[in-house]
């Protein structure tokens, strides 16, 4: 028996090995994309404004000690 929704019939979920393989492939693809995005962010330069804030905080910490 197929369940229907306003968008139409729901696709059946695959069970067994094929479904697990597809899930693993999906997770692997997500992992690859996340690693790529992380690498891009890590390699971005630190904004000058943020470096200035850090320098001021360091100077203040030196003056407090």
N, C-alpha and C. Protein backbone atom coordinates (compact mmCIF):
# COMPACT_ATOMS: atom_id res chain seq x y z
N UNK A 1 0.85 -1.17 0.00
CA UNK A 1 0.00 0.00 0.00
C UNK A 1 0.90 1.23 0.00
N UNK A 2 0.75 2.09 -0.99
CA UNK A 2 1.52 3.33 -1.08
C UNK A 2 0.82 4.44 -0.32
N UNK A 3 1.58 5.17 0.47
CA UNK A 3 1.02 6.32 1.15
C UNK A 3 1.17 7.52 0.23
N UNK A 4 0.15 8.34 0.23
CA UNK A 4 0.22 9.54 -0.61
C UNK A 4 0.22 10.76 0.28
N UNK A 5 0.83 11.81 -0.22
CA UNK A 5 0.84 13.09 0.47
C UNK A 5 0.42 14.13 -0.55
N UNK A 6 0.24 15.37 -0.11
CA UNK A 6 -0.14 16.41 -1.08
C UNK A 6 0.87 16.52 -2.23
N UNK A 7 2.13 16.15 -1.98
CA UNK A 7 3.15 16.24 -3.02
C UNK A 7 3.15 15.02 -3.92
N UNK A 8 2.35 14.04 -3.59
CA UNK A 8 2.30 12.83 -4.41
C UNK A 8 2.75 11.62 -3.60
N UNK A 9 2.85 10.47 -4.24
CA UNK A 9 3.24 9.26 -3.51
C UNK A 9 4.69 9.34 -3.04
N UNK A 10 4.91 8.80 -1.85
CA UNK A 10 6.26 8.77 -1.30
C UNK A 10 7.05 7.67 -1.97
N UNK A 11 8.32 7.95 -2.27
CA UNK A 11 9.14 6.87 -2.82
C UNK A 11 9.43 5.86 -1.71
N UNK A 12 9.48 4.61 -2.10
CA UNK A 12 9.76 3.57 -1.12
C UNK A 12 11.21 3.62 -0.72
N UNK A 13 11.46 3.36 0.56
CA UNK A 13 12.82 3.28 1.04
C UNK A 13 13.42 1.96 0.62
N UNK A 14 14.68 2.03 0.21
CA UNK A 14 15.36 0.80 -0.15
C UNK A 14 15.87 0.15 1.11
N UNK A 15 15.75 -1.13 1.16
CA UNK A 15 16.21 -1.85 2.33
C UNK A 15 17.34 -2.78 1.94
N UNK A 16 18.02 -3.28 2.92
CA UNK A 16 19.08 -4.24 2.66
C UNK A 16 20.38 -3.57 2.30
N UNK A 17 21.23 -4.33 1.63
CA UNK A 17 22.58 -3.88 1.31
C UNK A 17 22.58 -2.66 0.41
N UNK A 18 21.71 -2.61 -0.57
CA UNK A 18 21.69 -1.49 -1.51
C UNK A 18 21.42 -0.18 -0.77
N UNK A 19 20.49 -0.18 0.15
CA UNK A 19 20.18 1.02 0.93
C UNK A 19 21.35 1.44 1.80
N UNK A 20 22.03 0.49 2.41
CA UNK A 20 23.20 0.80 3.23
C UNK A 20 24.34 1.35 2.39
N UNK A 21 24.54 0.78 1.22
CA UNK A 21 25.59 1.26 0.33
C UNK A 21 25.32 2.70 -0.10
N UNK A 22 24.08 2.98 -0.43
CA UNK A 22 23.71 4.34 -0.83
C UNK A 22 23.92 5.32 0.32
N UNK A 23 23.54 4.91 1.52
CA UNK A 23 23.73 5.78 2.69
C UNK A 23 25.21 6.04 2.93
N UNK A 24 26.03 5.01 2.81
CA UNK A 24 27.47 5.19 3.00
C UNK A 24 28.05 6.11 1.94
N UNK A 25 27.63 5.94 0.70
CA UNK A 25 28.11 6.81 -0.37
C UNK A 25 27.69 8.26 -0.14
N UNK A 26 26.46 8.45 0.32
CA UNK A 26 25.97 9.80 0.63
C UNK A 26 26.80 10.42 1.74
N UNK A 27 27.05 9.65 2.81
CA UNK A 27 27.85 10.14 3.92
C UNK A 27 29.27 10.46 3.48
N UNK A 28 29.82 9.62 2.63
CA UNK A 28 31.17 9.85 2.13
C UNK A 28 31.22 11.14 1.30
N UNK A 29 30.23 11.35 0.47
CA UNK A 29 30.18 12.57 -0.35
C UNK A 29 30.05 13.81 0.53
N UNK A 30 29.23 13.72 1.56
CA UNK A 30 29.08 14.84 2.49
C UNK A 30 30.41 15.11 3.19
N UNK A 31 31.09 14.06 3.62
CA UNK A 31 32.38 14.20 4.28
C UNK A 31 33.41 14.87 3.39
N UNK A 32 33.45 14.49 2.13
CA UNK A 32 34.40 15.08 1.17
C UNK A 32 34.11 16.57 1.02
N UNK A 33 32.84 16.91 0.87
CA UNK A 33 32.48 18.33 0.71
C UNK A 33 32.80 19.12 1.97
N UNK A 34 32.52 18.56 3.15
CA UNK A 34 32.83 19.26 4.39
C UNK A 34 34.33 19.48 4.56
N UNK A 35 35.13 18.46 4.21
CA UNK A 35 36.59 18.62 4.30
C UNK A 35 37.07 19.72 3.35
N UNK A 36 36.51 19.75 2.17
CA UNK A 36 36.88 20.77 1.19
C UNK A 36 36.54 22.17 1.72
N UNK A 37 35.33 22.33 2.27
CA UNK A 37 34.93 23.62 2.82
C UNK A 37 35.82 24.01 3.99
N UNK A 38 36.14 23.06 4.86
CA UNK A 38 37.00 23.34 6.01
C UNK A 38 38.37 23.80 5.53
N UNK A 39 38.93 23.12 4.55
CA UNK A 39 40.25 23.50 4.01
C UNK A 39 40.22 24.92 3.45
N UNK A 40 39.14 25.27 2.78
CA UNK A 40 39.03 26.62 2.24
C UNK A 40 39.01 27.66 3.35
N UNK A 41 38.25 27.40 4.41
CA UNK A 41 38.15 28.35 5.52
C UNK A 41 39.50 28.47 6.23
N UNK A 42 40.16 27.35 6.46
CA UNK A 42 41.45 27.37 7.16
C UNK A 42 42.49 28.16 6.37
N UNK A 43 42.42 28.10 5.07
CA UNK A 43 43.41 28.78 4.23
C UNK A 43 43.08 30.24 3.94
N UNK A 44 41.94 30.73 4.44
CA UNK A 44 41.60 32.14 4.25
C UNK A 44 42.50 33.00 5.13
N UNK A 45 42.87 34.17 4.66
CA UNK A 45 43.68 35.05 5.50
C UNK A 45 42.85 35.61 6.66
N UNK A 46 43.54 35.91 7.75
CA UNK A 46 42.87 36.51 8.91
C UNK A 46 42.66 38.00 8.59
N UNK A 47 41.45 38.51 8.77
CA UNK A 47 41.18 39.92 8.46
C UNK A 47 42.05 40.85 9.32
N UNK A 48 42.50 41.95 8.73
CA UNK A 48 43.34 42.92 9.43
C UNK A 48 42.67 43.45 10.70
N UNK A 49 41.36 43.69 10.63
CA UNK A 49 40.64 44.21 11.79
C UNK A 49 40.74 43.24 12.97
N UNK A 50 40.66 41.96 12.69
CA UNK A 50 40.74 40.96 13.75
C UNK A 50 42.16 40.91 14.32
N UNK A 51 43.15 41.01 13.45
CA UNK A 51 44.55 41.04 13.92
C UNK A 51 44.79 42.25 14.82
N UNK A 52 44.20 43.39 14.46
CA UNK A 52 44.33 44.58 15.30
C UNK A 52 43.71 44.36 16.68
N UNK A 53 42.56 43.74 16.72
CA UNK A 53 41.91 43.45 18.00
C UNK A 53 42.80 42.55 18.85
N UNK A 54 43.38 41.53 18.23
CA UNK A 54 44.27 40.63 18.98
C UNK A 54 45.51 41.36 19.49
N UNK A 55 46.08 42.23 18.67
CA UNK A 55 47.27 43.00 19.10
C UNK A 55 46.93 43.90 20.29
N UNK A 56 45.78 44.57 20.22
CA UNK A 56 45.38 45.44 21.34
C UNK A 56 45.14 44.63 22.60
N UNK A 57 44.56 43.45 22.46
CA UNK A 57 44.32 42.60 23.62
C UNK A 57 45.64 42.14 24.23
N UNK A 58 46.62 41.82 23.38
CA UNK A 58 47.94 41.40 23.87
C UNK A 58 48.62 42.55 24.62
N UNK A 59 48.54 43.76 24.05
CA UNK A 59 49.16 44.91 24.71
C UNK A 59 48.52 45.18 26.05
N UNK A 60 47.19 45.07 26.12
CA UNK A 60 46.48 45.30 27.36
C UNK A 60 46.87 44.25 28.40
N UNK A 61 46.98 43.00 27.96
CA UNK A 61 47.35 41.92 28.88
C UNK A 61 48.78 42.13 29.40
N UNK A 62 49.68 42.62 28.55
CA UNK A 62 51.06 42.90 28.98
C UNK A 62 51.08 44.04 29.99
N UNK A 63 50.25 45.04 29.79
CA UNK A 63 50.19 46.19 30.70
C UNK A 63 49.58 45.83 32.05
N UNK A 64 48.69 44.84 32.06
CA UNK A 64 48.03 44.43 33.30
C UNK A 64 48.93 43.58 34.19
N UNK A 65 49.99 42.97 33.61
CA UNK A 65 50.81 42.08 34.42
C UNK A 65 51.98 42.76 35.06
